[in-house]
């Protein structure tokens, strides 16, 4: 068990790592990218603050399943391009 502040935080079993990693990655990336693109279109102000949550949600709803679908291919491409670590001597 881990703690965050004073509240105990139970960790998920390791079998969920394959879902949690793309979930967190898609949340963070779509948050940043939708924020930048919304800001570029609307500029800073109340219109931006009203539009960004919806734009983020729409981006995330597409990005998360896409990430789950392409992650196996990305792993294969990565292992084709990157040498595996050398065993410790």
N, C-alpha and C. Protein backbone atom coordinates (compact mmCIF):
# COMPACT_ATOMS: atom_id res chain seq x y z
N UNK A 1 0.84 -1.18 0.00
CA UNK A 1 0.00 0.00 0.00
C UNK A 1 0.88 1.24 0.00
N UNK A 2 0.47 2.22 -0.74
CA UNK A 2 1.20 3.47 -0.83
C UNK A 2 0.35 4.57 -0.21
N UNK A 3 0.98 5.67 0.17
CA UNK A 3 0.19 6.77 0.71
C UNK A 3 0.39 8.00 -0.13
N UNK A 4 -0.67 8.75 -0.27
CA UNK A 4 -0.63 10.02 -0.98
C UNK A 4 -1.16 11.03 0.03
N UNK A 5 -0.28 11.82 0.62
CA UNK A 5 -0.70 12.70 1.71
C UNK A 5 -0.94 11.85 2.94
N UNK A 6 -2.14 11.92 3.47
CA UNK A 6 -2.46 11.11 4.65
C UNK A 6 -3.44 10.00 4.34
N UNK A 7 -3.94 9.93 3.11
CA UNK A 7 -4.89 8.89 2.75
C UNK A 7 -4.17 7.68 2.17
N UNK A 8 -4.51 6.47 2.64
CA UNK A 8 -3.87 5.28 2.06
C UNK A 8 -4.37 5.08 0.62
N UNK A 9 -3.46 4.71 -0.27
CA UNK A 9 -3.79 4.49 -1.67
C UNK A 9 -3.44 3.05 -2.02
N UNK A 10 -4.46 2.27 -2.33
CA UNK A 10 -4.21 0.87 -2.71
C UNK A 10 -3.79 0.81 -4.16
N UNK A 11 -2.77 0.05 -4.44
CA UNK A 11 -2.29 -0.11 -5.81
C UNK A 11 -3.08 -1.19 -6.52
N UNK A 12 -3.23 -0.99 -7.82
CA UNK A 12 -3.89 -2.00 -8.65
C UNK A 12 -2.94 -3.16 -8.89
N UNK A 13 -3.47 -4.34 -9.15
CA UNK A 13 -2.60 -5.47 -9.50
C UNK A 13 -1.83 -5.18 -10.79
N UNK A 14 -0.68 -5.78 -10.95
CA UNK A 14 0.20 -5.52 -12.09
C UNK A 14 -0.46 -5.86 -13.42
N UNK A 15 -1.45 -6.72 -13.44
CA UNK A 15 -2.10 -7.08 -14.70
C UNK A 15 -2.81 -5.89 -15.35
N UNK A 16 -3.05 -4.83 -14.61
CA UNK A 16 -3.71 -3.64 -15.15
C UNK A 16 -2.73 -2.62 -15.75
N UNK A 17 -1.45 -2.87 -15.68
CA UNK A 17 -0.45 -1.92 -16.18
C UNK A 17 -0.63 -1.65 -17.68
N UNK A 18 -1.03 -2.65 -18.44
CA UNK A 18 -1.22 -2.48 -19.88
C UNK A 18 -2.38 -1.57 -20.24
N UNK A 19 -3.28 -1.33 -19.30
CA UNK A 19 -4.40 -0.41 -19.52
C UNK A 19 -4.10 0.94 -18.88
N UNK A 20 -3.52 0.92 -17.69
CA UNK A 20 -3.28 2.16 -16.93
C UNK A 20 -2.26 3.06 -17.65
N UNK A 21 -1.19 2.49 -18.19
CA UNK A 21 -0.18 3.30 -18.86
C UNK A 21 -0.77 4.04 -20.06
N UNK A 22 -1.47 3.38 -20.99
CA UNK A 22 -2.07 4.14 -22.09
C UNK A 22 -3.19 5.08 -21.63
N UNK A 23 -3.89 4.72 -20.57
CA UNK A 23 -4.92 5.62 -20.03
C UNK A 23 -4.30 6.93 -19.57
N UNK A 24 -3.25 6.85 -18.75
CA UNK A 24 -2.59 8.05 -18.24
C UNK A 24 -1.93 8.83 -19.38
N UNK A 25 -1.28 8.13 -20.27
CA UNK A 25 -0.63 8.80 -21.41
C UNK A 25 -1.65 9.54 -22.26
N UNK A 26 -2.77 8.90 -22.56
CA UNK A 26 -3.78 9.56 -23.39
C UNK A 26 -4.42 10.74 -22.67
N UNK A 27 -4.63 10.64 -21.37
CA UNK A 27 -5.20 11.77 -20.61
C UNK A 27 -4.25 12.97 -20.69
N UNK A 28 -2.98 12.74 -20.38
CA UNK A 28 -2.01 13.84 -20.35
C UNK A 28 -1.77 14.44 -21.73
N UNK A 29 -1.57 13.60 -22.72
CA UNK A 29 -1.27 14.12 -24.06
C UNK A 29 -2.46 14.87 -24.65
N UNK A 30 -3.67 14.33 -24.53
CA UNK A 30 -4.82 15.04 -25.09
C UNK A 30 -5.12 16.32 -24.32
N UNK A 31 -4.83 16.32 -23.02
CA UNK A 31 -5.00 17.54 -22.22
C UNK A 31 -4.13 18.66 -22.78
N UNK A 32 -2.87 18.35 -23.03
CA UNK A 32 -1.92 19.36 -23.52
C UNK A 32 -2.25 19.75 -24.97
N UNK A 33 -2.42 18.78 -25.84
CA UNK A 33 -2.63 19.08 -27.25
C UNK A 33 -3.96 19.80 -27.48
N UNK A 34 -5.03 19.35 -26.83
CA UNK A 34 -6.32 20.04 -27.00
C UNK A 34 -6.26 21.44 -26.41
N UNK A 35 -5.52 21.60 -25.31
CA UNK A 35 -5.36 22.94 -24.73
C UNK A 35 -4.65 23.88 -25.67
N UNK A 36 -3.56 23.42 -26.28
CA UNK A 36 -2.81 24.26 -27.22
C UNK A 36 -3.65 24.60 -28.43
N UNK A 37 -4.31 23.61 -29.03
CA UNK A 37 -5.08 23.89 -30.24
C UNK A 37 -6.30 24.76 -29.94
N UNK A 38 -6.95 24.55 -28.82
CA UNK A 38 -8.09 25.39 -28.45
C UNK A 38 -7.63 26.82 -28.18
N UNK A 39 -6.51 26.97 -27.50
CA UNK A 39 -5.97 28.30 -27.22
C UNK A 39 -5.59 29.03 -28.51
N UNK A 40 -5.02 28.31 -29.46
CA UNK A 40 -4.65 28.94 -30.74
C UNK A 40 -5.89 29.42 -31.50
N UNK A 41 -6.97 28.66 -31.42
CA UNK A 41 -8.18 29.03 -32.16
C UNK A 41 -8.94 30.15 -31.45
N UNK A 42 -9.12 30.04 -30.14
CA UNK A 42 -9.97 30.98 -29.41
C UNK A 42 -9.22 32.08 -28.67
N UNK A 43 -7.92 31.86 -28.43
CA UNK A 43 -7.17 32.82 -27.63
C UNK A 43 -7.54 32.68 -26.15
N UNK A 44 -6.78 33.34 -25.28
CA UNK A 44 -7.07 33.23 -23.86
C UNK A 44 -8.38 33.96 -23.52
N UNK A 45 -9.09 33.43 -22.57
CA UNK A 45 -10.34 34.07 -22.15
C UNK A 45 -11.39 33.05 -21.76
N UNK A 46 -12.58 33.54 -21.52
CA UNK A 46 -13.66 32.68 -21.07
C UNK A 46 -14.10 31.68 -22.14
N UNK A 47 -14.07 32.08 -23.40
CA UNK A 47 -14.45 31.15 -24.48
C UNK A 47 -13.52 29.94 -24.47
N UNK A 48 -12.22 30.19 -24.26
CA UNK A 48 -11.25 29.09 -24.16
C UNK A 48 -11.59 28.19 -22.99
N UNK A 49 -11.83 28.77 -21.83
CA UNK A 49 -12.12 27.98 -20.62
C UNK A 49 -13.41 27.18 -20.75
N UNK A 50 -14.37 27.70 -21.50
CA UNK A 50 -15.62 26.96 -21.71
C UNK A 50 -15.44 25.84 -22.73
N UNK A 51 -14.63 26.07 -23.75
CA UNK A 51 -14.49 25.09 -24.84
C UNK A 51 -13.50 23.98 -24.55
N UNK A 52 -12.45 24.29 -23.79
CA UNK A 52 -11.38 23.31 -23.60
C UNK A 52 -11.85 21.99 -23.00
N UNK A 53 -12.65 21.95 -21.94
CA UNK A 53 -13.05 20.64 -21.39
C UNK A 53 -13.75 19.75 -22.41
N UNK A 54 -14.64 20.31 -23.21
CA UNK A 54 -15.33 19.52 -24.23
C UNK A 54 -14.35 19.04 -25.29
N UNK A 55 -13.48 19.94 -25.74
CA UNK A 55 -12.48 19.55 -26.75
C UNK A 55 -11.55 18.48 -26.22
N UNK A 56 -11.15 18.60 -24.95
CA UNK A 56 -10.30 17.56 -24.36
C UNK A 56 -11.03 16.22 -24.31
N UNK A 57 -12.29 16.23 -23.86
CA UNK A 57 -13.05 14.98 -23.75
C UNK A 57 -13.21 14.30 -25.11
N UNK A 58 -13.49 15.08 -26.12
CA UNK A 58 -13.62 14.52 -27.47
C UNK A 58 -12.29 13.93 -27.95
N UNK A 59 -11.21 14.66 -27.70
CA UNK A 59 -9.88 14.17 -28.09
C UNK A 59 -9.54 12.89 -27.36
N UNK A 60 -9.81 12.86 -26.05
CA UNK A 60 -9.48 11.67 -25.27
C UNK A 60 -10.32 10.47 -25.69
N UNK A 61 -11.59 10.69 -25.99
CA UNK A 61 -12.47 9.59 -26.40
C UNK A 61 -11.97 8.91 -27.68
N UNK A 62 -11.25 9.63 -28.50
CA UNK A 62 -10.67 9.06 -29.71
C UNK A 62 -9.27 8.51 -29.43
N UNK A 63 -8.49 9.25 -28.64
CA UNK A 63 -7.08 8.89 -28.43
C UNK A 63 -6.90 7.61 -27.62
N UNK A 64 -7.69 7.40 -26.57
CA UNK A 64 -7.48 6.23 -25.72
C UNK A 64 -7.69 4.92 -26.47
N UNK A 65 -8.83 4.73 -27.16
CA UNK A 65 -8.97 3.47 -27.90
C UNK A 65 -7.95 3.33 -29.03
N UNK A 66 -7.59 4.46 -29.65
CA UNK A 66 -6.57 4.42 -30.71
C UNK A 66 -5.24 3.96 -30.13
N UNK A 67 -4.88 4.50 -28.98
CA UNK A 67 -3.63 4.11 -28.33
C UNK A 67 -3.64 2.63 -27.97
N UNK A 68 -4.75 2.14 -27.46
CA UNK A 68 -4.84 0.71 -27.14
C UNK A 68 -4.67 -0.14 -28.39
N UNK A 69 -5.21 0.33 -29.51
CA UNK A 69 -5.13 -0.45 -30.75
C UNK A 69 -3.73 -0.44 -31.36
N UNK A 70 -3.05 0.69 -31.30
CA UNK A 70 -1.75 0.80 -31.98
C UNK A 70 -0.56 0.46 -31.09
N UNK A 71 -0.77 0.36 -29.79
CA UNK A 71 0.34 0.10 -28.88
C UNK A 71 1.12 -1.18 -29.21
N UNK A 72 0.48 -2.30 -29.54
CA UNK A 72 1.27 -3.49 -29.91
C UNK A 72 2.18 -3.24 -31.13
N UNK A 73 1.67 -2.53 -32.13
CA UNK A 73 2.48 -2.23 -33.32
C UNK A 73 3.64 -1.31 -32.94
N UNK A 74 3.39 -0.32 -32.10
CA UNK A 74 4.45 0.60 -31.68
C UNK A 74 5.52 -0.15 -30.89
N UNK A 75 5.12 -1.09 -30.06
CA UNK A 75 6.11 -1.90 -29.32
C UNK A 75 6.97 -2.71 -30.28
N UNK A 76 6.35 -3.31 -31.30
CA UNK A 76 7.13 -4.08 -32.29
C UNK A 76 8.08 -3.19 -33.07
N UNK A 77 7.61 -2.03 -33.49
CA UNK A 77 8.48 -1.09 -34.21
C UNK A 77 9.63 -0.62 -33.32
N UNK A 78 9.34 -0.35 -32.07
CA UNK A 78 10.39 0.09 -31.14
C UNK A 78 11.44 -0.99 -30.98
N UNK A 79 11.02 -2.24 -30.81
CA UNK A 79 12.02 -3.30 -30.64
C UNK A 79 12.78 -3.57 -31.93
N UNK A 80 12.22 -3.22 -33.07
CA UNK A 80 12.96 -3.35 -34.35
C UNK A 80 13.99 -2.26 -34.51
N UNK A 81 13.78 -1.11 -33.86
CA UNK A 81 14.68 0.05 -34.01
C UNK A 81 15.67 0.22 -32.87
N UNK A 82 15.41 -0.41 -31.72
CA UNK A 82 16.24 -0.17 -30.53
C UNK A 82 16.86 -1.50 -30.09
N UNK A 83 18.16 -1.45 -29.82
CA UNK A 83 18.84 -2.63 -29.33
C UNK A 83 18.34 -2.98 -27.92
N UNK A 84 18.22 -4.28 -27.64
CA UNK A 84 17.83 -4.65 -26.27
C UNK A 84 18.98 -4.33 -25.30
N UNK A 85 18.67 -4.13 -24.03
CA UNK A 85 19.75 -3.85 -23.07
C UNK A 85 20.70 -5.04 -22.95
N UNK A 86 21.96 -4.73 -22.74
CA UNK A 86 22.96 -5.79 -22.56
C UNK A 86 22.87 -6.32 -21.15
N UNK A 87 23.05 -7.63 -21.00
CA UNK A 87 23.02 -8.20 -19.64
C UNK A 87 24.16 -7.63 -18.80
N UNK A 88 23.88 -7.45 -17.52
CA UNK A 88 24.91 -6.92 -16.61
C UNK A 88 26.03 -7.94 -16.48
N UNK A 89 27.25 -7.45 -16.50
CA UNK A 89 28.42 -8.34 -16.41
C UNK A 89 28.75 -8.65 -14.98
